[in-house]
Amino acid sequence: MNLKLELLLRSVEISSYIPGRIRLRSKKLVGNPNLEQKIKNQLGAYSEINSVETNTITGSILINYVPEILRRNVDLLKAEKYIASHVKKK
């Protein structure tokens, strides 16, 4: 996993994971449009990710993707495995 992606994942709470849809939460994102743009730019740079929706009111980051396509990228495959194993348990 590349360093930027790893740092992002370690700085957020993984609130839900279903293959193809991941929701992250970050208190640092609340009221922070600069961070919002950085996140969108970083995740949006991956062609394997269909969409990234952020909300600076709630600190939410919603990532939509096609699992079979995303998993062709080794870094993103590692990130997905990390997310699956660290999702917040209800």
PDB file of N, CA and C in Angstrom:
ATOM      1  N   MET A   1       0.853  -1.175   0.000  1.00  0.00           N
ATOM      2  CA  MET A   1       0.000   0.000   0.000  1.00  0.00           C
ATOM      3  C   MET A   1       0.896   1.234   0.000  1.00  0.00           C
ATOM      4  N   ASN A   2       0.558   2.221  -0.825  1.00  0.00           N
ATOM      5  CA  ASN A   2       1.419   3.399  -0.843  1.00  0.00           C
ATOM      6  C   ASN A   2       1.240   4.211   0.432  1.00  0.00           C
ATOM      7  N   LEU A   3       2.227   5.010   0.752  1.00  0.00           N
ATOM      8  CA  LEU A   3       2.286   5.713   2.029  1.00  0.00           C
ATOM      9  C   LEU A   3       1.110   6.668   2.219  1.00  0.00           C
ATOM     10  N   LYS A   4       0.756   7.446   1.194  1.00  0.00           N
ATOM     11  CA  LYS A   4      -0.350   8.397   1.329  1.00  0.00           C
ATOM     12  C   LYS A   4      -1.658   7.680   1.642  1.00  0.00           C
ATOM     13  N   LEU A   5      -1.905   6.586   0.958  1.00  0.00           N
ATOM     14  CA  LEU A   5      -3.122   5.814   1.183  1.00  0.00           C
ATOM     15  C   LEU A   5      -3.116   5.207   2.580  1.00  0.00           C
ATOM     16  N   GLU A   6      -1.975   4.702   2.993  1.00  0.00           N
ATOM     17  CA  GLU A   6      -1.859   4.111   4.327  1.00  0.00           C
ATOM     18  C   GLU A   6      -2.090   5.162   5.410  1.00  0.00           C
ATOM     19  N   LEU A   7      -1.507   6.342   5.242  1.00  0.00           N
ATOM     20  CA  LEU A   7      -1.693   7.411   6.225  1.00  0.00           C
ATOM     21  C   LEU A   7      -3.154   7.843   6.297  1.00  0.00           C
ATOM     22  N   LEU A   8      -3.816   7.937   5.155  1.00  0.00           N
ATOM     23  CA  LEU A   8      -5.226   8.288   5.143  1.00  0.00           C
ATOM     24  C   LEU A   8      -6.039   7.259   5.922  1.00  0.00           C
ATOM     25  N   LEU A   9      -5.818   5.988   5.639  1.00  0.00           N
ATOM     26  CA  LEU A   9      -6.592   4.935   6.298  1.00  0.00           C
ATOM     27  C   LEU A   9      -6.350   4.887   7.797  1.00  0.00           C
ATOM     28  N   ARG A  10      -5.147   5.178   8.216  1.00  0.00           N
ATOM     29  CA  ARG A  10      -4.837   5.130   9.651  1.00  0.00           C
ATOM     30  C   ARG A  10      -5.370   6.361  10.394  1.00  0.00           C
ATOM     31  N   SER A  11      -5.797   7.396   9.654  1.00  0.00           N
ATOM     32  CA  SER A  11      -6.273   8.623  10.294  1.00  0.00           C
ATOM     33  C   SER A  11      -7.795   8.733  10.324  1.00  0.00           C
ATOM     34  N   VAL A  12      -8.493   7.716   9.852  1.00  0.00           N
ATOM     35  CA  VAL A  12      -9.949   7.755   9.804  1.00  0.00           C
ATOM     36  C   VAL A  12     -10.551   6.567  10.549  1.00  0.00           C
ATOM     37  N   GLU A  13     -11.833   6.691  10.862  1.00  0.00           N
ATOM     38  CA  GLU A  13     -12.593   5.571  11.412  1.00  0.00           C
ATOM     39  C   GLU A  13     -13.293   4.894  10.233  1.00  0.00           C
ATOM     40  N   ILE A  14     -13.213   3.599  10.174  1.00  0.00           N
ATOM     41  CA  ILE A  14     -13.880   2.850   9.103  1.00  0.00           C
ATOM     42  C   ILE A  14     -15.248   2.467   9.646  1.00  0.00           C
ATOM     43  N   SER A  15     -16.279   3.204   9.221  1.00  0.00           N
ATOM     44  CA  SER A  15     -17.583   2.999   9.826  1.00  0.00           C
ATOM     45  C   SER A  15     -18.412   1.930   9.132  1.00  0.00           C
ATOM     46  N   SER A  16     -18.182   1.697   7.835  1.00  0.00           N
ATOM     47  CA  SER A  16     -18.875   0.577   7.189  1.00  0.00           C
ATOM     48  C   SER A  16     -18.111   0.109   5.961  1.00  0.00           C
ATOM     49  N   TYR A  17     -18.257  -1.185   5.703  1.00  0.00           N
ATOM     50  CA  TYR A  17     -17.605  -1.792   4.550  1.00  0.00           C
ATOM     51  C   TYR A  17     -18.514  -2.875   3.984  1.00  0.00           C
ATOM     52  N   ILE A  18     -18.862  -2.699   2.749  1.00  0.00           N
ATOM     53  CA  ILE A  18     -19.529  -3.712   1.930  1.00  0.00           C
ATOM     54  C   ILE A  18     -18.720  -3.695   0.639  1.00  0.00           C
ATOM     55  N   PRO A  19     -18.289  -4.839   0.108  1.00  0.00           N
ATOM     56  CA  PRO A  19     -17.511  -4.784  -1.131  1.00  0.00           C
ATOM     57  C   PRO A  19     -18.214  -3.899  -2.177  1.00  0.00           C
ATOM     58  N   GLY A  20     -17.513  -2.858  -2.590  1.00  0.00           N
ATOM     59  CA  GLY A  20     -18.066  -1.901  -3.543  1.00  0.00           C
ATOM     60  C   GLY A  20     -18.474  -0.583  -2.912  1.00  0.00           C
ATOM     61  N   ARG A  21     -18.534  -0.561  -1.570  1.00  0.00           N
ATOM     62  CA  ARG A  21     -18.974   0.653  -0.878  1.00  0.00           C
ATOM     63  C   ARG A  21     -18.311   0.728   0.498  1.00  0.00           C
ATOM     64  N   ILE A  22     -17.570   1.808   0.717  1.00  0.00           N
ATOM     65  CA  ILE A  22     -16.865   2.012   1.984  1.00  0.00           C
ATOM     66  C   ILE A  22     -17.231   3.386   2.518  1.00  0.00           C
ATOM     67  N   ARG A  23     -17.544   3.444   3.810  1.00  0.00           N
ATOM     68  CA  ARG A  23     -17.764   4.744   4.446  1.00  0.00           C
ATOM     69  C   ARG A  23     -16.719   4.933   5.542  1.00  0.00           C
ATOM     70  N   LEU A  24     -16.010   6.044   5.434  1.00  0.00           N
ATOM     71  CA  LEU A  24     -15.004   6.433   6.413  1.00  0.00           C
ATOM     72  C   LEU A  24     -15.496   7.682   7.120  1.00  0.00           C
ATOM     73  N   ARG A  25     -14.992   7.920   8.313  1.00  0.00           N
ATOM     74  CA  ARG A  25     -15.316   9.150   9.041  1.00  0.00           C
ATOM     75  C   ARG A  25     -14.023   9.763   9.577  1.00  0.00           C
ATOM     76  N   SER A  26     -13.966  11.091   9.494  1.00  0.00           N
ATOM     77  CA  SER A  26     -12.792  11.810   9.977  1.00  0.00           C
ATOM     78  C   SER A  26     -13.233  13.088  10.679  1.00  0.00           C
ATOM     79  N   LYS A  27     -12.883  13.217  11.948  1.00  0.00           N
ATOM     80  CA  LYS A  27     -13.193  14.448  12.681  1.00  0.00           C
ATOM     81  C   LYS A  27     -12.417  15.621  12.095  1.00  0.00           C
ATOM     82  N   LYS A  28     -11.261  15.341  11.512  1.00  0.00           N
ATOM     83  CA  LYS A  28     -10.442  16.403  10.908  1.00  0.00           C
ATOM     84  C   LYS A  28     -11.105  16.996   9.663  1.00  0.00           C
ATOM     85  N   LEU A  29     -12.004  16.228   9.028  1.00  0.00           N
ATOM     86  CA  LEU A  29     -12.681  16.687   7.809  1.00  0.00           C
ATOM     87  C   LEU A  29     -13.795  17.689   8.119  1.00  0.00           C
ATOM     88  N   VAL A  30     -14.342  17.645   9.333  1.00  0.00           N
ATOM     89  CA  VAL A  30     -15.447  18.528   9.708  1.00  0.00           C
ATOM     90  C   VAL A  30     -14.990  19.987   9.607  1.00  0.00           C
ATOM     91  N   GLY A  31     -15.691  20.746   8.771  1.00  0.00           N
ATOM     92  CA  GLY A  31     -15.381  22.167   8.593  1.00  0.00           C
ATOM     93  C   GLY A  31     -14.051  22.444   7.926  1.00  0.00           C
ATOM     94  N   ASN A  32     -13.514  21.473   7.182  1.00  0.00           N
ATOM     95  CA  ASN A  32     -12.189  21.622   6.580  1.00  0.00           C
ATOM     96  C   ASN A  32     -12.234  21.368   5.069  1.00  0.00           C
ATOM     97  N   PRO A  33     -12.623  22.381   4.289  1.00  0.00           N
ATOM     98  CA  PRO A  33     -12.711  22.189   2.837  1.00  0.00           C
ATOM     99  C   PRO A  33     -11.357  21.916   2.169  1.00  0.00           C
ATOM    100  N   ASN A  34     -10.258  22.384   2.781  1.00  0.00           N
ATOM    101  CA  ASN A  34      -8.930  22.099   2.213  1.00  0.00           C
ATOM    102  C   ASN A  34      -8.625  20.611   2.282  1.00  0.00           C
ATOM    103  N   LEU A  35      -8.902  19.994   3.431  1.00  0.00           N
ATOM    104  CA  LEU A  35      -8.689  18.559   3.576  1.00  0.00           C
ATOM    105  C   LEU A  35      -9.642  17.791   2.660  1.00  0.00           C
ATOM    106  N   GLU A  36     -10.867  18.274   2.542  1.00  0.00           N
ATOM    107  CA  GLU A  36     -11.836  17.640   1.648  1.00  0.00           C
ATOM    108  C   GLU A  36     -11.273  17.560   0.224  1.00  0.00           C
ATOM    109  N   GLN A  37     -10.707  18.645  -0.246  1.00  0.00           N
ATOM    110  CA  GLN A  37     -10.161  18.670  -1.608  1.00  0.00           C
ATOM    111  C   GLN A  37      -8.972  17.724  -1.745  1.00  0.00           C
ATOM    112  N   LYS A  38      -8.119  17.672  -0.734  1.00  0.00           N
ATOM    113  CA  LYS A  38      -6.968  16.759  -0.766  1.00  0.00           C
ATOM    114  C   LYS A  38      -7.430  15.308  -0.841  1.00  0.00           C
ATOM    115  N   ILE A  39      -8.433  14.961  -0.040  1.00  0.00           N
ATOM    116  CA  ILE A  39      -8.954  13.592  -0.045  1.00  0.00           C
ATOM    117  C   ILE A  39      -9.553  13.251  -1.407  1.00  0.00           C
ATOM    118  N   LYS A  40     -10.359  14.158  -1.939  1.00  0.00           N
ATOM    119  CA  LYS A  40     -10.975  13.922  -3.250  1.00  0.00           C
ATOM    120  C   LYS A  40      -9.906  13.776  -4.340  1.00  0.00           C
ATOM    121  N   ASN A  41      -8.884  14.609  -4.287  1.00  0.00           N
ATOM    122  CA  ASN A  41      -7.807  14.529  -5.275  1.00  0.00           C
ATOM    123  C   ASN A  41      -7.040  13.218  -5.151  1.00  0.00           C
ATOM    124  N   GLN A  42      -6.717  12.832  -3.906  1.00  0.00           N
ATOM    125  CA  GLN A  42      -5.926  11.621  -3.685  1.00  0.00           C
ATOM    126  C   GLN A  42      -6.706  10.378  -4.115  1.00  0.00           C
ATOM    127  N   LEU A  43      -7.926  10.231  -3.644  1.00  0.00           N
ATOM    128  CA  LEU A  43      -8.705   9.040  -3.980  1.00  0.00           C
ATOM    129  C   LEU A  43      -9.214   9.088  -5.420  1.00  0.00           C
ATOM    130  N   GLY A  44      -9.523  10.283  -5.896  1.00  0.00           N
ATOM    131  CA  GLY A  44     -10.004  10.446  -7.265  1.00  0.00           C
ATOM    132  C   GLY A  44      -8.942  10.154  -8.314  1.00  0.00           C
ATOM    133  N   ALA A  45      -7.682  10.132  -7.896  1.00  0.00           N
ATOM    134  CA  ALA A  45      -6.590   9.831  -8.827  1.00  0.00           C
ATOM    135  C   ALA A  45      -6.584   8.363  -9.239  1.00  0.00           C
ATOM    136  N   TYR A  46      -7.281   7.526  -8.487  1.00  0.00           N
ATOM    137  CA  TYR A  46      -7.353   6.101  -8.815  1.00  0.00           C
ATOM    138  C   TYR A  46      -8.512   5.868  -9.783  1.00  0.00           C
ATOM    139  N   SER A  47      -8.192   5.439 -10.985  1.00  0.00           N
ATOM    140  CA  SER A  47      -9.240   5.181 -11.978  1.00  0.00           C
ATOM    141  C   SER A  47     -10.131   4.011 -11.568  1.00  0.00           C
ATOM    142  N   GLU A  48      -9.657   3.176 -10.652  1.00  0.00           N
ATOM    143  CA  GLU A  48     -10.427   2.016 -10.189  1.00  0.00           C
ATOM    144  C   GLU A  48     -11.561   2.405  -9.237  1.00  0.00           C
ATOM    145  N   ILE A  49     -11.541   3.634  -8.746  1.00  0.00           N
ATOM    146  CA  ILE A  49     -12.583   4.118  -7.837  1.00  0.00           C
ATOM    147  C   ILE A  49     -13.602   4.900  -8.654  1.00  0.00           C
ATOM    148  N   ASN A  50     -14.870   4.505  -8.560  1.00  0.00           N
ATOM    149  CA  ASN A  50     -15.932   5.150  -9.339  1.00  0.00           C
ATOM    150  C   ASN A  50     -16.272   6.542  -8.834  1.00  0.00           C
ATOM    151  N   SER A  51     -16.422   6.681  -7.508  1.00  0.00           N
ATOM    152  CA  SER A  51     -16.779   7.991  -6.975  1.00  0.00           C
ATOM    153  C   SER A  51     -16.322   8.121  -5.525  1.00  0.00           C
ATOM    154  N   VAL A  52     -16.070   9.374  -5.145  1.00  0.00           N
ATOM    155  CA  VAL A  52     -15.723   9.720  -3.770  1.00  0.00           C
ATOM    156  C   VAL A  52     -16.618  10.887  -3.382  1.00  0.00           C
ATOM    157  N   GLU A  53     -17.451  10.675  -2.378  1.00  0.00           N
ATOM    158  CA  GLU A  53     -18.333  11.732  -1.891  1.00  0.00           C
ATOM    159  C   GLU A  53     -17.894  12.088  -0.478  1.00  0.00           C
ATOM    160  N   THR A  54     -17.754  13.373  -0.218  1.00  0.00           N
ATOM    161  CA  THR A  54     -17.336  13.818   1.103  1.00  0.00           C
ATOM    162  C   THR A  54     -18.373  14.771   1.675  1.00  0.00           C
ATOM    163  N   ASN A  55     -18.375  14.894   2.999  1.00  0.00           N
ATOM    164  CA  ASN A  55     -19.290  15.799   3.662  1.00  0.00           C
ATOM    165  C   ASN A  55     -18.526  16.451   4.816  1.00  0.00           C
ATOM    166  N   THR A  56     -18.293  17.767   4.698  1.00  0.00           N
ATOM    167  CA  THR A  56     -17.528  18.475   5.729  1.00  0.00           C
ATOM    168  C   THR A  56     -18.377  18.807   6.954  1.00  0.00           C
ATOM    169  N   ILE A  57     -19.665  18.531   6.908  1.00  0.00           N
ATOM    170  CA  ILE A  57     -20.520  18.732   8.083  1.00  0.00           C
ATOM    171  C   ILE A  57     -20.430  17.513   9.003  1.00  0.00           C
ATOM    172  N   THR A  58     -20.471  16.323   8.402  1.00  0.00           N
ATOM    173  CA  THR A  58     -20.442  15.090   9.195  1.00  0.00           C
ATOM    174  C   THR A  58     -19.058  14.442   9.264  1.00  0.00           C
ATOM    175  N   GLY A  59     -18.153  14.842   8.379  1.00  0.00           N
ATOM    176  CA  GLY A  59     -16.825  14.226   8.325  1.00  0.00           C
ATOM    177  C   GLY A  59     -16.835  12.886   7.603  1.00  0.00           C
ATOM    178  N   SER A  60     -17.821  12.682   6.755  1.00  0.00           N
ATOM    179  CA  SER A  60     -17.999  11.403   6.066  1.00  0.00           C
ATOM    180  C   SER A  60     -17.293  11.380   4.709  1.00  0.00           C
ATOM    181  N   ILE A  61     -16.757  10.207   4.390  1.00  0.00           N
ATOM    182  CA  ILE A  61     -16.144   9.954   3.085  1.00  0.00           C
ATOM    183  C   ILE A  61     -16.762   8.656   2.572  1.00  0.00           C
ATOM    184  N   LEU A  62     -17.472   8.734   1.454  1.00  0.00           N
ATOM    185  CA  LEU A  62     -18.108   7.554   0.872  1.00  0.00           C
ATOM    186  C   LEU A  62     -17.389   7.216  -0.428  1.00  0.00           C
ATOM    187  N   ILE A  63     -16.909   5.981  -0.521  1.00  0.00           N
ATOM    188  CA  ILE A  63     -16.149   5.522  -1.689  1.00  0.00           C
ATOM    189  C   ILE A  63     -16.939   4.407  -2.357  1.00  0.00           C
ATOM    190  N   ASN A  64     -17.233   4.583  -3.647  1.00  0.00           N
ATOM    191  CA  ASN A  64     -17.936   3.562  -4.427  1.00  0.00           C
ATOM    192  C   ASN A  64     -17.011   3.027  -5.507  1.00  0.00           C
ATOM    193  N   TYR A  65     -17.050   1.702  -5.708  1.00  0.00           N
ATOM    194  CA  TYR A  65     -16.172   1.071  -6.689  1.00  0.00           C
ATOM    195  C   TYR A  65     -16.725  -0.296  -7.071  1.00  0.00           C
ATOM    196  N   VAL A  66     -16.201  -0.839  -8.162  1.00  0.00           N
ATOM    197  CA  VAL A  66     -16.522  -2.205  -8.576  1.00  0.00           C
ATOM    198  C   VAL A  66     -15.397  -3.087  -8.034  1.00  0.00           C
ATOM    199  N   PRO A  67     -15.718  -4.016  -7.108  1.00  0.00           N
ATOM    200  CA  PRO A  67     -14.655  -4.798  -6.461  1.00  0.00           C
ATOM    201  C   PRO A  67     -13.691  -5.480  -7.428  1.00  0.00           C
ATOM    202  N   GLU A  68     -14.197  -6.090  -8.471  1.00  0.00           N
ATOM    203  CA  GLU A  68     -13.327  -6.819  -9.401  1.00  0.00           C
ATOM    204  C   GLU A  68     -12.329  -5.892 -10.100  1.00  0.00           C
ATOM    205  N   ILE A  69     -12.744  -4.661 -10.347  1.00  0.00           N
ATOM    206  CA  ILE A  69     -11.856  -3.686 -10.998  1.00  0.00           C
ATOM    207  C   ILE A  69     -10.851  -3.135  -9.987  1.00  0.00           C
ATOM    208  N   LEU A  70     -11.324  -2.754  -8.804  1.00  0.00           N
ATOM    209  CA  LEU A  70     -10.445  -2.198  -7.777  1.00  0.00           C
ATOM    210  C   LEU A  70      -9.339  -3.178  -7.409  1.00  0.00           C
ATOM    211  N   ARG A  71      -9.671  -4.453  -7.322  1.00  0.00           N
ATOM    212  CA  ARG A  71      -8.712  -5.462  -6.853  1.00  0.00           C
ATOM    213  C   ARG A  71      -7.602  -5.754  -7.849  1.00  0.00           C
ATOM    214  N   ARG A  72      -7.684  -5.198  -9.028  1.00  0.00           N
ATOM    215  CA  ARG A  72      -6.583  -5.343 -10.004  1.00  0.00           C
ATOM    216  C   ARG A  72      -5.381  -4.469  -9.614  1.00  0.00           C
ATOM    217  N   ASN A  73      -5.633  -3.458  -8.788  1.00  0.00           N
ATOM    218  CA  ASN A  73      -4.585  -2.561  -8.316  1.00  0.00           C
ATOM    219  C   ASN A  73      -4.096  -3.100  -6.962  1.00  0.00           C
ATOM    220  N   VAL A  74      -2.837  -3.487  -6.903  1.00  0.00           N
ATOM    221  CA  VAL A  74      -2.286  -4.121  -5.695  1.00  0.00           C
ATOM    222  C   VAL A  74      -2.427  -3.224  -4.471  1.00  0.00           C
ATOM    223  N   ASP A  75      -2.145  -1.930  -4.607  1.00  0.00           N
ATOM    224  CA  ASP A  75      -2.263  -1.016  -3.465  1.00  0.00           C
ATOM    225  C   ASP A  75      -3.699  -0.949  -2.964  1.00  0.00           C
ATOM    226  N   LEU A  76      -4.648  -0.849  -3.889  1.00  0.00           N
ATOM    227  CA  LEU A  76      -6.044  -0.754  -3.490  1.00  0.00           C
ATOM    228  C   LEU A  76      -6.565  -2.072  -2.929  1.00  0.00           C
ATOM    229  N   LEU A  77      -6.068  -3.182  -3.429  1.00  0.00           N
ATOM    230  CA  LEU A  77      -6.434  -4.490  -2.883  1.00  0.00           C
ATOM    231  C   LEU A  77      -5.981  -4.587  -1.429  1.00  0.00           C
ATOM    232  N   LYS A  78      -4.752  -4.156  -1.157  1.00  0.00           N
ATOM    233  CA  LYS A  78      -4.245  -4.164   0.217  1.00  0.00           C
ATOM    234  C   LYS A  78      -5.075  -3.235   1.099  1.00  0.00           C
ATOM    235  N   ALA A  79      -5.434  -2.066   0.562  1.00  0.00           N
ATOM    236  CA  ALA A  79      -6.249  -1.114   1.319  1.00  0.00           C
ATOM    237  C   ALA A  79      -7.617  -1.705   1.636  1.00  0.00           C
ATOM    238  N   GLU A  80      -8.227  -2.383   0.665  1.00  0.00           N
ATOM    239  CA  GLU A  80      -9.537  -2.992   0.890  1.00  0.00           C
ATOM    240  C   GLU A  80      -9.444  -4.075   1.969  1.00  0.00           C
ATOM    241  N   LYS A  81      -8.404  -4.875   1.933  1.00  0.00           N
ATOM    242  CA  LYS A  81      -8.226  -5.916   2.961  1.00  0.00           C
ATOM    243  C   LYS A  81      -8.047  -5.285   4.338  1.00  0.00           C
ATOM    244  N   TYR A  82      -7.283  -4.209   4.398  1.00  0.00           N
ATOM    245  CA  TYR A  82      -7.101  -3.500   5.670  1.00  0.00           C
ATOM    246  C   TYR A  82      -8.449  -2.991   6.177  1.00  0.00           C
ATOM    247  N   ILE A  83      -9.210  -2.358   5.300  1.00  0.00           N
ATOM    248  CA  ILE A  83     -10.519  -1.814   5.668  1.00  0.00           C
ATOM    249  C   ILE A  83     -11.445  -2.924   6.156  1.00  0.00           C
ATOM    250  N   ALA A  84     -11.493  -4.035   5.442  1.00  0.00           N
ATOM    251  CA  ALA A  84     -12.363  -5.153   5.823  1.00  0.00           C
ATOM    252  C   ALA A  84     -12.019  -5.684   7.210  1.00  0.00           C
ATOM    253  N   SER A  85     -10.745  -5.659   7.561  1.00  0.00           N
ATOM    254  CA  SER A  85     -10.327  -6.206   8.860  1.00  0.00           C
ATOM    255  C   SER A  85     -10.373  -5.170   9.983  1.00  0.00           C
ATOM    256  N   HIS A  86     -10.589  -3.885   9.651  1.00  0.00           N
ATOM    257  CA  HIS A  86     -10.601  -2.840  10.673  1.00  0.00           C
ATOM    258  C   HIS A  86     -11.922  -2.092  10.751  1.00  0.00           C
ATOM    259  N   VAL A  87     -12.948  -2.590  10.097  1.00  0.00           N
ATOM    260  CA  VAL A  87     -14.242  -1.898  10.134  1.00  0.00           C
ATOM    261  C   VAL A  87     -14.776  -1.899  11.562  1.00  0.00           C
ATOM    262  N   LYS A  88     -15.364  -0.781  11.944  1.00  0.00           N
ATOM    263  CA  LYS A  88     -15.914  -0.626  13.290  1.00  0.00           C
ATOM    264  C   LYS A  88     -17.045  -1.633  13.497  1.00  0.00           C
ATOM    265  N   LYS A  89     -16.952  -2.393  14.555  1.00  0.00           N
ATOM    266  CA  LYS A  89     -17.975  -3.397  14.857  1.00  0.00           C
ATOM    267  C   LYS A  89     -19.123  -2.722  15.619  1.00  0.00           C
ATOM    268  N   LYS A  90     -20.322  -3.047  15.228  1.00  0.00           N
ATOM    269  CA  LYS A  90     -21.511  -2.472  15.885  1.00  0.00           C
ATOM    270  C   LYS A  90     -21.857  -3.272  17.116  1.00  0.00           C
TER     271      LYS A  90
END
